[in-house]
Amino acid sequence: MASPSYEVVVTPSFERDLDAAVRYYLEQSGPISAGRLMDEFDSFRRLVAALPGHGSRVGDSGLRWRRLGVFVAVYGVDDDAHVVTLLRLCYVSSDWRRRVLGEA
């Protein structure tokens, strides 16, 4: 029997981060690269809905992360409510752990 899929909730912060990333790709690399990022995001959403615990832990914060192209998607999982909350999308070479944990 398959386990139920989790609901994926996108926070306003994650939405702003994703919008900024798409705009950057559109300006710097064009629509094909921006489209690839959105395809990767769609695949990521399906993955965390099906396997929410699959991402690596962010220290002992209870948060998880997964690579999304040149970005890191940070999310929380509420197993009781079957909800994954997408919190931030950060450039992988930034100090994203400090940024995220400073907000947590």
PDB file of N, CA and C in Angstrom:
ATOM      1  N   MET A   1       0.841  -1.171   0.000  1.00  0.00           N
ATOM      2  CA  MET A   1       0.000   0.000   0.000  1.00  0.00           C
ATOM      3  C   MET A   1       0.892   1.242   0.000  1.00  0.00           C
ATOM      4  N   ALA A   2       0.660   2.168  -0.921  1.00  0.00           N
ATOM      5  CA  ALA A   2       1.464   3.385  -1.026  1.00  0.00           C
ATOM      6  C   ALA A   2       1.118   4.352   0.099  1.00  0.00           C
ATOM      7  N   SER A   3       2.136   5.061   0.578  1.00  0.00           N
ATOM      8  CA  SER A   3       1.881   6.053   1.619  1.00  0.00           C
ATOM      9  C   SER A   3       1.246   7.288   0.982  1.00  0.00           C
ATOM     10  N   PRO A   4       0.428   7.997   1.756  1.00  0.00           N
ATOM     11  CA  PRO A   4      -0.242   9.163   1.185  1.00  0.00           C
ATOM     12  C   PRO A   4       0.754  10.278   0.880  1.00  0.00           C
ATOM     13  N   SER A   5       0.435  11.048  -0.139  1.00  0.00           N
ATOM     14  CA  SER A   5       1.269  12.175  -0.519  1.00  0.00           C
ATOM     15  C   SER A   5       1.057  13.337   0.450  1.00  0.00           C
ATOM     16  N   TYR A   6       2.113  14.080   0.701  1.00  0.00           N
ATOM     17  CA  TYR A   6       2.038  15.254   1.564  1.00  0.00           C
ATOM     18  C   TYR A   6       1.599  16.465   0.741  1.00  0.00           C
ATOM     19  N   GLU A   7       0.907  17.386   1.394  1.00  0.00           N
ATOM     20  CA  GLU A   7       0.593  18.672   0.774  1.00  0.00           C
ATOM     21  C   GLU A   7       1.867  19.513   0.806  1.00  0.00           C
ATOM     22  N   VAL A   8       2.138  20.242  -0.261  1.00  0.00           N
ATOM     23  CA  VAL A   8       3.306  21.120  -0.317  1.00  0.00           C
ATOM     24  C   VAL A   8       2.823  22.565  -0.293  1.00  0.00           C
ATOM     25  N   VAL A   9       3.270  23.310   0.722  1.00  0.00           N
ATOM     26  CA  VAL A   9       2.898  24.711   0.907  1.00  0.00           C
ATOM     27  C   VAL A   9       4.121  25.570   0.612  1.00  0.00           C
ATOM     28  N   VAL A  10       3.937  26.585  -0.214  1.00  0.00           N
ATOM     29  CA  VAL A  10       5.019  27.500  -0.570  1.00  0.00           C
ATOM     30  C   VAL A  10       4.830  28.799   0.211  1.00  0.00           C
ATOM     31  N   THR A  11       5.824  29.163   1.029  1.00  0.00           N
ATOM     32  CA  THR A  11       5.737  30.407   1.802  1.00  0.00           C
ATOM     33  C   THR A  11       5.998  31.609   0.890  1.00  0.00           C
ATOM     34  N   PRO A  12       5.560  32.791   1.313  1.00  0.00           N
ATOM     35  CA  PRO A  12       5.871  33.997   0.535  1.00  0.00           C
ATOM     36  C   PRO A  12       7.376  34.209   0.349  1.00  0.00           C
ATOM     37  N   SER A  13       8.176  33.878   1.349  1.00  0.00           N
ATOM     38  CA  SER A  13       9.636  34.025   1.226  1.00  0.00           C
ATOM     39  C   SER A  13      10.186  33.122   0.134  1.00  0.00           C
ATOM     40  N   PHE A  14       9.733  31.871   0.097  1.00  0.00           N
ATOM     41  CA  PHE A  14      10.192  30.949  -0.937  1.00  0.00           C
ATOM     42  C   PHE A  14       9.731  31.440  -2.304  1.00  0.00           C
ATOM     43  N   GLU A  15       8.498  31.901  -2.387  1.00  0.00           N
ATOM     44  CA  GLU A  15       7.954  32.407  -3.654  1.00  0.00           C
ATOM     45  C   GLU A  15       8.791  33.586  -4.163  1.00  0.00           C
ATOM     46  N   ARG A  16       9.157  34.504  -3.274  1.00  0.00           N
ATOM     47  CA  ARG A  16      10.007  35.642  -3.673  1.00  0.00           C
ATOM     48  C   ARG A  16      11.380  35.162  -4.141  1.00  0.00           C
ATOM     49  N   ASP A  17      11.949  34.201  -3.413  1.00  0.00           N
ATOM     50  CA  ASP A  17      13.255  33.657  -3.802  1.00  0.00           C
ATOM     51  C   ASP A  17      13.184  33.009  -5.183  1.00  0.00           C
ATOM     52  N   LEU A  18      12.136  32.235  -5.420  1.00  0.00           N
ATOM     53  CA  LEU A  18      11.974  31.555  -6.709  1.00  0.00           C
ATOM     54  C   LEU A  18      11.757  32.571  -7.825  1.00  0.00           C
ATOM     55  N   ASP A  19      10.933  33.575  -7.584  1.00  0.00           N
ATOM     56  CA  ASP A  19      10.710  34.621  -8.589  1.00  0.00           C
ATOM     57  C   ASP A  19      12.021  35.318  -8.944  1.00  0.00           C
ATOM     58  N   ALA A  20      12.830  35.632  -7.934  1.00  0.00           N
ATOM     59  CA  ALA A  20      14.116  36.292  -8.175  1.00  0.00           C
ATOM     60  C   ALA A  20      15.044  35.390  -8.989  1.00  0.00           C
ATOM     61  N   ALA A  21      15.049  34.101  -8.688  1.00  0.00           N
ATOM     62  CA  ALA A  21      15.896  33.155  -9.422  1.00  0.00           C
ATOM     63  C   ALA A  21      15.455  33.054 -10.881  1.00  0.00           C
ATOM     64  N   VAL A  22      14.154  32.986 -11.110  1.00  0.00           N
ATOM     65  CA  VAL A  22      13.641  32.909 -12.484  1.00  0.00           C
ATOM     66  C   VAL A  22      13.984  34.190 -13.245  1.00  0.00           C
ATOM     67  N   ARG A  23      13.798  35.348 -12.616  1.00  0.00           N
ATOM     68  CA  ARG A  23      14.144  36.619 -13.272  1.00  0.00           C
ATOM     69  C   ARG A  23      15.630  36.657 -13.631  1.00  0.00           C
ATOM     70  N   TYR A  24      16.466  36.193 -12.700  1.00  0.00           N
ATOM     71  CA  TYR A  24      17.904  36.166 -12.960  1.00  0.00           C
ATOM     72  C   TYR A  24      18.212  35.295 -14.182  1.00  0.00           C
ATOM     73  N   TYR A  25      17.647  34.100 -14.212  1.00  0.00           N
ATOM     74  CA  TYR A  25      17.877  33.213 -15.357  1.00  0.00           C
ATOM     75  C   TYR A  25      17.373  33.837 -16.649  1.00  0.00           C
ATOM     76  N   LEU A  26      16.200  34.469 -16.601  1.00  0.00           N
ATOM     77  CA  LEU A  26      15.662  35.106 -17.804  1.00  0.00           C
ATOM     78  C   LEU A  26      16.605  36.189 -18.318  1.00  0.00           C
ATOM     79  N   GLU A  27      17.132  37.004 -17.408  1.00  0.00           N
ATOM     80  CA  GLU A  27      18.011  38.107 -17.797  1.00  0.00           C
ATOM     81  C   GLU A  27      19.389  37.635 -18.234  1.00  0.00           C
ATOM     82  N   GLN A  28      19.932  36.641 -17.549  1.00  0.00           N
ATOM     83  CA  GLN A  28      21.311  36.223 -17.796  1.00  0.00           C
ATOM     84  C   GLN A  28      21.450  35.095 -18.816  1.00  0.00           C
ATOM     85  N   SER A  29      20.487  34.183 -18.839  1.00  0.00           N
ATOM     86  CA  SER A  29      20.640  32.980 -19.666  1.00  0.00           C
ATOM     87  C   SER A  29      19.505  32.762 -20.654  1.00  0.00           C
ATOM     88  N   GLY A  30      18.386  33.427 -20.433  1.00  0.00           N
ATOM     89  CA  GLY A  30      17.273  33.300 -21.359  1.00  0.00           C
ATOM     90  C   GLY A  30      16.181  32.368 -20.869  1.00  0.00           C
ATOM     91  N   PRO A  31      15.108  32.288 -21.659  1.00  0.00           N
ATOM     92  CA  PRO A  31      13.918  31.544 -21.239  1.00  0.00           C
ATOM     93  C   PRO A  31      14.111  30.032 -21.130  1.00  0.00           C
ATOM     94  N   ILE A  32      15.018  29.473 -21.888  1.00  0.00           N
ATOM     95  CA  ILE A  32      15.220  28.018 -21.803  1.00  0.00           C
ATOM     96  C   ILE A  32      15.774  27.650 -20.429  1.00  0.00           C
ATOM     97  N   SER A  33      16.763  28.400 -19.957  1.00  0.00           N
ATOM     98  CA  SER A  33      17.328  28.132 -18.628  1.00  0.00           C
ATOM     99  C   SER A  33      16.302  28.379 -17.533  1.00  0.00           C
ATOM    100  N   ALA A  34      15.526  29.443 -17.665  1.00  0.00           N
ATOM    101  CA  ALA A  34      14.476  29.720 -16.677  1.00  0.00           C
ATOM    102  C   ALA A  34      13.446  28.597 -16.676  1.00  0.00           C
ATOM    103  N   GLY A  35      13.113  28.092 -17.848  1.00  0.00           N
ATOM    104  CA  GLY A  35      12.176  26.972 -17.949  1.00  0.00           C
ATOM    105  C   GLY A  35      12.721  25.711 -17.306  1.00  0.00           C
ATOM    106  N   ARG A  36      14.020  25.479 -17.469  1.00  0.00           N
ATOM    107  CA  ARG A  36      14.642  24.313 -16.826  1.00  0.00           C
ATOM    108  C   ARG A  36      14.544  24.405 -15.309  1.00  0.00           C
ATOM    109  N   LEU A  37      14.779  25.610 -14.776  1.00  0.00           N
ATOM    110  CA  LEU A  37      14.662  25.797 -13.331  1.00  0.00           C
ATOM    111  C   LEU A  37      13.244  25.475 -12.873  1.00  0.00           C
ATOM    112  N   MET A  38      12.250  25.937 -13.605  1.00  0.00           N
ATOM    113  CA  MET A  38      10.863  25.657 -13.226  1.00  0.00           C
ATOM    114  C   MET A  38      10.550  24.162 -13.344  1.00  0.00           C
ATOM    115  N   ASP A  39      11.109  23.497 -14.356  1.00  0.00           N
ATOM    116  CA  ASP A  39      10.933  22.042 -14.472  1.00  0.00           C
ATOM    117  C   ASP A  39      11.560  21.333 -13.274  1.00  0.00           C
ATOM    118  N   GLU A  40      12.760  21.774 -12.871  1.00  0.00           N
ATOM    119  CA  GLU A  40      13.413  21.186 -11.696  1.00  0.00           C
ATOM    120  C   GLU A  40      12.582  21.433 -10.442  1.00  0.00           C
ATOM    121  N   PHE A  41      12.006  22.624 -10.337  1.00  0.00           N
ATOM    122  CA  PHE A  41      11.161  22.945  -9.188  1.00  0.00           C
ATOM    123  C   PHE A  41       9.929  22.040  -9.158  1.00  0.00           C
ATOM    124  N   ASP A  42       9.291  21.837 -10.302  1.00  0.00           N
ATOM    125  CA  ASP A  42       8.122  20.949 -10.355  1.00  0.00           C
ATOM    126  C   ASP A  42       8.493  19.530  -9.929  1.00  0.00           C
ATOM    127  N   SER A  43       9.638  19.037 -10.393  1.00  0.00           N
ATOM    128  CA  SER A  43      10.104  17.698  -9.998  1.00  0.00           C
ATOM    129  C   SER A  43      10.390  17.647  -8.502  1.00  0.00           C
ATOM    130  N   PHE A  44      11.002  18.709  -7.976  1.00  0.00           N
ATOM    131  CA  PHE A  44      11.295  18.794  -6.549  1.00  0.00           C
ATOM    132  C   PHE A  44      10.011  18.751  -5.727  1.00  0.00           C
ATOM    133  N   ARG A  45       9.001  19.501  -6.135  1.00  0.00           N
ATOM    134  CA  ARG A  45       7.713  19.502  -5.409  1.00  0.00           C
ATOM    135  C   ARG A  45       7.110  18.100  -5.363  1.00  0.00           C
ATOM    136  N   ARG A  46       7.143  17.407  -6.493  1.00  0.00           N
ATOM    137  CA  ARG A  46       6.606  16.038  -6.525  1.00  0.00           C
ATOM    138  C   ARG A  46       7.415  15.119  -5.610  1.00  0.00           C
ATOM    139  N   LEU A  47       8.736  15.281  -5.611  1.00  0.00           N
ATOM    140  CA  LEU A  47       9.598  14.439  -4.783  1.00  0.00           C
ATOM    141  C   LEU A  47       9.317  14.647  -3.300  1.00  0.00           C
ATOM    142  N   VAL A  48       9.278  15.914  -2.842  1.00  0.00           N
ATOM    143  CA  VAL A  48       9.067  16.134  -1.408  1.00  0.00           C
ATOM    144  C   VAL A  48       7.646  15.792  -0.984  1.00  0.00           C
ATOM    145  N   ALA A  49       6.697  15.852  -1.906  1.00  0.00           N
ATOM    146  CA  ALA A  49       5.334  15.426  -1.578  1.00  0.00           C
ATOM    147  C   ALA A  49       5.295  13.917  -1.354  1.00  0.00           C
ATOM    148  N   ALA A  50       6.070  13.181  -2.145  1.00  0.00           N
ATOM    149  CA  ALA A  50       6.081  11.723  -2.038  1.00  0.00           C
ATOM    150  C   ALA A  50       7.053  11.221  -0.969  1.00  0.00           C
ATOM    151  N   LEU A  51       8.202  11.889  -0.833  1.00  0.00           N
ATOM    152  CA  LEU A  51       9.260  11.450   0.091  1.00  0.00           C
ATOM    153  C   LEU A  51       9.767  12.643   0.899  1.00  0.00           C
ATOM    154  N   PRO A  52       8.971  13.169   1.809  1.00  0.00           N
ATOM    155  CA  PRO A  52       9.351  14.393   2.518  1.00  0.00           C
ATOM    156  C   PRO A  52      10.598  14.266   3.385  1.00  0.00           C
ATOM    157  N   GLY A  53      10.914  13.094   3.854  1.00  0.00           N
ATOM    158  CA  GLY A  53      12.083  12.908   4.703  1.00  0.00           C
ATOM    159  C   GLY A  53      13.356  12.631   3.936  1.00  0.00           C
ATOM    160  N   HIS A  54      13.301  12.704   2.618  1.00  0.00           N
ATOM    161  CA  HIS A  54      14.440  12.342   1.776  1.00  0.00           C
ATOM    162  C   HIS A  54      15.572  13.371   1.812  1.00  0.00           C
ATOM    163  N   GLY A  55      15.286  14.619   2.132  1.00  0.00           N
ATOM    164  CA  GLY A  55      16.313  15.661   2.152  1.00  0.00           C
ATOM    165  C   GLY A  55      17.227  15.550   3.359  1.00  0.00           C
ATOM    166  N   SER A  56      18.370  16.185   3.258  1.00  0.00           N
ATOM    167  CA  SER A  56      19.328  16.215   4.367  1.00  0.00           C
ATOM    168  C   SER A  56      18.851  17.174   5.448  1.00  0.00           C
ATOM    169  N   ARG A  57      19.246  16.896   6.677  1.00  0.00           N
ATOM    170  CA  ARG A  57      18.854  17.753   7.804  1.00  0.00           C
ATOM    171  C   ARG A  57      19.734  19.002   7.859  1.00  0.00           C
ATOM    172  N   VAL A  58      19.132  20.090   8.332  1.00  0.00           N
ATOM    173  CA  VAL A  58      19.874  21.331   8.580  1.00  0.00           C
ATOM    174  C   VAL A  58      20.171  21.353  10.075  1.00  0.00           C
ATOM    175  N   GLY A  59      21.311  20.789  10.448  1.00  0.00           N
ATOM    176  CA  GLY A  59      21.674  20.697  11.861  1.00  0.00           C
ATOM    177  C   GLY A  59      20.597  19.995  12.660  1.00  0.00           C
ATOM    178  N   ASP A  60      20.301  20.532  13.836  1.00  0.00           N
ATOM    179  CA  ASP A  60      19.246  19.951  14.671  1.00  0.00           C
ATOM    180  C   ASP A  60      18.002  20.840  14.676  1.00  0.00           C
ATOM    181  N   SER A  61      17.841  21.631  13.612  1.00  0.00           N
ATOM    182  CA  SER A  61      16.737  22.593  13.521  1.00  0.00           C
ATOM    183  C   SER A  61      15.390  21.947  13.209  1.00  0.00           C
ATOM    184  N   GLY A  62      15.418  20.703  12.718  1.00  0.00           N
ATOM    185  CA  GLY A  62      14.186  20.073  12.269  1.00  0.00           C
ATOM    186  C   GLY A  62      13.874  20.374  10.813  1.00  0.00           C
ATOM    187  N   LEU A  63      14.672  21.239  10.193  1.00  0.00           N
ATOM    188  CA  LEU A  63      14.484  21.574   8.779  1.00  0.00           C
ATOM    189  C   LEU A  63      15.278  20.617   7.907  1.00  0.00           C
ATOM    190  N   ARG A  64      14.921  20.589   6.637  1.00  0.00           N
ATOM    191  CA  ARG A  64      15.616  19.755   5.658  1.00  0.00           C
ATOM    192  C   ARG A  64      15.968  20.605   4.448  1.00  0.00           C
ATOM    193  N   TRP A  65      16.922  20.096   3.658  1.00  0.00           N
ATOM    194  CA  TRP A  65      17.297  20.792   2.430  1.00  0.00           C
ATOM    195  C   TRP A  65      17.571  19.794   1.325  1.00  0.00           C
ATOM    196  N   ARG A  66      17.383  20.287   0.108  1.00  0.00           N
ATOM    197  CA  ARG A  66      17.722  19.522  -1.093  1.00  0.00           C
ATOM    198  C   ARG A  66      18.265  20.483  -2.124  1.00  0.00           C
ATOM    199  N   ARG A  67      19.169  19.985  -2.907  1.00  0.00           N
ATOM    200  CA  ARG A  67      19.749  20.771  -3.998  1.00  0.00           C
ATOM    201  C   ARG A  67      18.713  20.915  -5.106  1.00  0.00           C
ATOM    202  N   LEU A  68      18.628  22.104  -5.661  1.00  0.00           N
ATOM    203  CA  LEU A  68      17.723  22.396  -6.775  1.00  0.00           C
ATOM    204  C   LEU A  68      18.531  23.220  -7.775  1.00  0.00           C
ATOM    205  N   GLY A  69      19.252  22.528  -8.651  1.00  0.00           N
ATOM    206  CA  GLY A  69      20.161  23.216  -9.561  1.00  0.00           C
ATOM    207  C   GLY A  69      21.291  23.855  -8.775  1.00  0.00           C
ATOM    208  N   VAL A  70      21.487  25.161  -8.966  1.00  0.00           N
ATOM    209  CA  VAL A  70      22.532  25.884  -8.232  1.00  0.00           C
ATOM    210  C   VAL A  70      21.967  26.492  -6.951  1.00  0.00           C
ATOM    211  N   PHE A  71      20.801  26.017  -6.552  1.00  0.00           N
ATOM    212  CA  PHE A  71      20.129  26.524  -5.365  1.00  0.00           C
ATOM    213  C   PHE A  71      19.931  25.412  -4.341  1.00  0.00           C
ATOM    214  N   VAL A  72      19.625  25.832  -3.125  1.00  0.00           N
ATOM    215  CA  VAL A  72      19.269  24.930  -2.039  1.00  0.00           C
ATOM    216  C   VAL A  72      17.856  25.296  -1.616  1.00  0.00           C
ATOM    217  N   ALA A  73      16.968  24.318  -1.650  1.00  0.00           N
ATOM    218  CA  ALA A  73      15.598  24.519  -1.173  1.00  0.00           C
ATOM    219  C   ALA A  73      15.531  24.017   0.263  1.00  0.00           C
ATOM    220  N   VAL A  74      15.083  24.883   1.163  1.00  0.00           N
ATOM    221  CA  VAL A  74      14.986  24.548   2.584  1.00  0.00           C
ATOM    222  C   VAL A  74      13.511  24.415   2.930  1.00  0.00           C
ATOM    223  N   TYR A  75      13.181  23.330   3.641  1.00  0.00           N
ATOM    224  CA  TYR A  75      11.776  23.072   3.943  1.00  0.00           C
ATOM    225  C   TYR A  75      11.609  22.407   5.298  1.00  0.00           C
ATOM    226  N   GLY A  76      10.411  22.503   5.806  1.00  0.00           N
ATOM    227  CA  GLY A  76      10.037  21.835   7.040  1.00  0.00           C
ATOM    228  C   GLY A  76       8.991  20.779   6.745  1.00  0.00           C
ATOM    229  N   VAL A  77       8.940  19.762   7.584  1.00  0.00           N
ATOM    230  CA  VAL A  77       7.989  18.666   7.404  1.00  0.00           C
ATOM    231  C   VAL A  77       7.167  18.514   8.677  1.00  0.00           C
ATOM    232  N   ASP A  78       5.857  18.512   8.519  1.00  0.00           N
ATOM    233  CA  ASP A  78       4.939  18.223   9.621  1.00  0.00           C
ATOM    234  C   ASP A  78       4.303  16.875   9.310  1.00  0.00           C
ATOM    235  N   ASP A  79       4.852  15.820   9.922  1.00  0.00           N
ATOM    236  CA  ASP A  79       4.368  14.470   9.635  1.00  0.00           C
ATOM    237  C   ASP A  79       2.944  14.246  10.125  1.00  0.00           C
ATOM    238  N   ASP A  80       2.564  14.887  11.214  1.00  0.00           N
ATOM    239  CA  ASP A  80       1.206  14.714  11.732  1.00  0.00           C
ATOM    240  C   ASP A  80       0.164  15.282  10.775  1.00  0.00           C
ATOM    241  N   ALA A  81       0.460  16.442  10.196  1.00  0.00           N
ATOM    242  CA  ALA A  81      -0.482  17.094   9.279  1.00  0.00           C
ATOM    243  C   ALA A  81      -0.252  16.696   7.822  1.00  0.00           C
ATOM    244  N   HIS A  82       0.807  15.922   7.550  1.00  0.00           N
ATOM    245  CA  HIS A  82       1.183  15.553   6.183  1.00  0.00           C
ATOM    246  C   HIS A  82       1.374  16.792   5.310  1.00  0.00           C
ATOM    247  N   VAL A  83       2.198  17.727   5.820  1.00  0.00           N
ATOM    248  CA  VAL A  83       2.463  18.978   5.110  1.00  0.00           C
ATOM    249  C   VAL A  83       3.968  19.214   5.029  1.00  0.00           C
ATOM    250  N   VAL A  84       4.425  19.587   3.848  1.00  0.00           N
ATOM    251  CA  VAL A  84       5.792  20.058   3.627  1.00  0.00           C
ATOM    252  C   VAL A  84       5.687  21.552   3.354  1.00  0.00           C
ATOM    253  N   THR A  85       6.452  22.354   4.104  1.00  0.00           N
ATOM    254  CA  THR A  85       6.431  23.803   3.926  1.00  0.00           C
ATOM    255  C   THR A  85       7.761  24.252   3.342  1.00  0.00           C
ATOM    256  N   LEU A  86       7.714  24.790   2.125  1.00  0.00           N
ATOM    257  CA  LEU A  86       8.917  25.298   1.470  1.00  0.00           C
ATOM    258  C   LEU A  86       9.207  26.680   2.027  1.00  0.00           C
ATOM    259  N   LEU A  87      10.385  26.831   2.643  1.00  0.00           N
ATOM    260  CA  LEU A  87      10.701  28.047   3.381  1.00  0.00           C
ATOM    261  C   LEU A  87      11.564  29.035   2.610  1.00  0.00           C
ATOM    262  N   ARG A  88      12.681  28.571   2.086  1.00  0.00           N
ATOM    263  CA  ARG A  88      13.602  29.467   1.380  1.00  0.00           C
ATOM    264  C   ARG A  88      14.255  28.730   0.226  1.00  0.00           C
ATOM    265  N   LEU A  89      14.657  29.508  -0.770  1.00  0.00           N
ATOM    266  CA  LEU A  89      15.454  29.021  -1.890  1.00  0.00           C
ATOM    267  C   LEU A  89      16.688  29.906  -1.936  1.00  0.00           C
ATOM    268  N   CYS A  90      17.855  29.326  -1.657  1.00  0.00           N
ATOM    269  CA  CYS A  90      19.092  30.099  -1.521  1.00  0.00           C
ATOM    270  C   CYS A  90      20.131  29.601  -2.520  1.00  0.00           C
ATOM    271  N   TYR A  91      20.976  30.513  -2.966  1.00  0.00           N
ATOM    272  CA  TYR A  91      22.082  30.140  -3.833  1.00  0.00           C
ATOM    273  C   TYR A  91      23.010  29.210  -3.054  1.00  0.00           C
ATOM    274  N   VAL A  92      23.406  28.112  -3.659  1.00  0.00           N
ATOM    275  CA  VAL A  92      24.140  27.060  -2.956  1.00  0.00           C
ATOM    276  C   VAL A  92      25.463  27.550  -2.364  1.00  0.00           C
ATOM    277  N   SER A  93      26.130  28.493  -3.021  1.00  0.00           N
ATOM    278  CA  SER A  93      27.425  28.937  -2.494  1.00  0.00           C
ATOM    279  C   SER A  93      27.295  30.101  -1.514  1.00  0.00           C
ATOM    280  N   SER A  94      26.065  30.482  -1.179  1.00  0.00           N
ATOM    281  CA  SER A  94      25.864  31.518  -0.164  1.00  0.00           C
ATOM    282  C   SER A  94      25.942  30.892   1.228  1.00  0.00           C
ATOM    283  N   ASP A  95      25.907  31.712   2.231  1.00  0.00           N
ATOM    284  CA  ASP A  95      25.896  31.225   3.614  1.00  0.00           C
ATOM    285  C   ASP A  95      24.444  30.925   3.996  1.00  0.00           C
ATOM    286  N   TRP A  96      23.831  29.991   3.265  1.00  0.00           N
ATOM    287  CA  TRP A  96      22.391  29.753   3.394  1.00  0.00           C
ATOM    288  C   TRP A  96      22.017  29.169   4.751  1.00  0.00           C
ATOM    289  N   ARG A  97      22.879  28.350   5.345  1.00  0.00           N
ATOM    290  CA  ARG A  97      22.538  27.782   6.659  1.00  0.00           C
ATOM    291  C   ARG A  97      22.369  28.892   7.698  1.00  0.00           C
ATOM    292  N   ARG A  98      23.300  29.821   7.698  1.00  0.00           N
ATOM    293  CA  ARG A  98      23.217  30.936   8.645  1.00  0.00           C
ATOM    294  C   ARG A  98      21.974  31.781   8.366  1.00  0.00           C
ATOM    295  N   ARG A  99      21.721  32.038   7.103  1.00  0.00           N
ATOM    296  CA  ARG A  99      20.544  32.826   6.714  1.00  0.00           C
ATOM    297  C   ARG A  99      19.259  32.152   7.179  1.00  0.00           C
ATOM    298  N   VAL A 100      19.151  30.870   6.925  1.00  0.00           N
ATOM    299  CA  VAL A 100      17.930  30.133   7.273  1.00  0.00           C
ATOM    300  C   VAL A 100      17.798  29.963   8.780  1.00  0.00           C
ATOM    301  N   LEU A 101      18.864  29.564   9.442  1.00  0.00           N
ATOM    302  CA  LEU A 101      18.784  29.331  10.881  1.00  0.00           C
ATOM    303  C   LEU A 101      18.604  30.627  11.652  1.00  0.00           C
ATOM    304  N   GLY A 102      19.046  31.729  11.078  1.00  0.00           N
ATOM    305  CA  GLY A 102      18.811  33.021  11.697  1.00  0.00           C
ATOM    306  C   GLY A 102      17.346  33.408  11.664  1.00  0.00           C
ATOM    307  N   GLU A 103      16.586  32.827  10.712  1.00  0.00           N
ATOM    308  CA  GLU A 103      15.159  33.100  10.566  1.00  0.00           C
ATOM    309  C   GLU A 103      14.309  32.077  11.288  1.00  0.00           C
ATOM    310  N   ALA A 104      14.873  30.911  11.589  1.00  0.00           N
ATOM    311  CA  ALA A 104      14.074  29.815  12.166  1.00  0.00           C
ATOM    312  C   ALA A 104      13.715  30.071  13.612  1.00  0.00           C
TER     313      ALA A 104
END
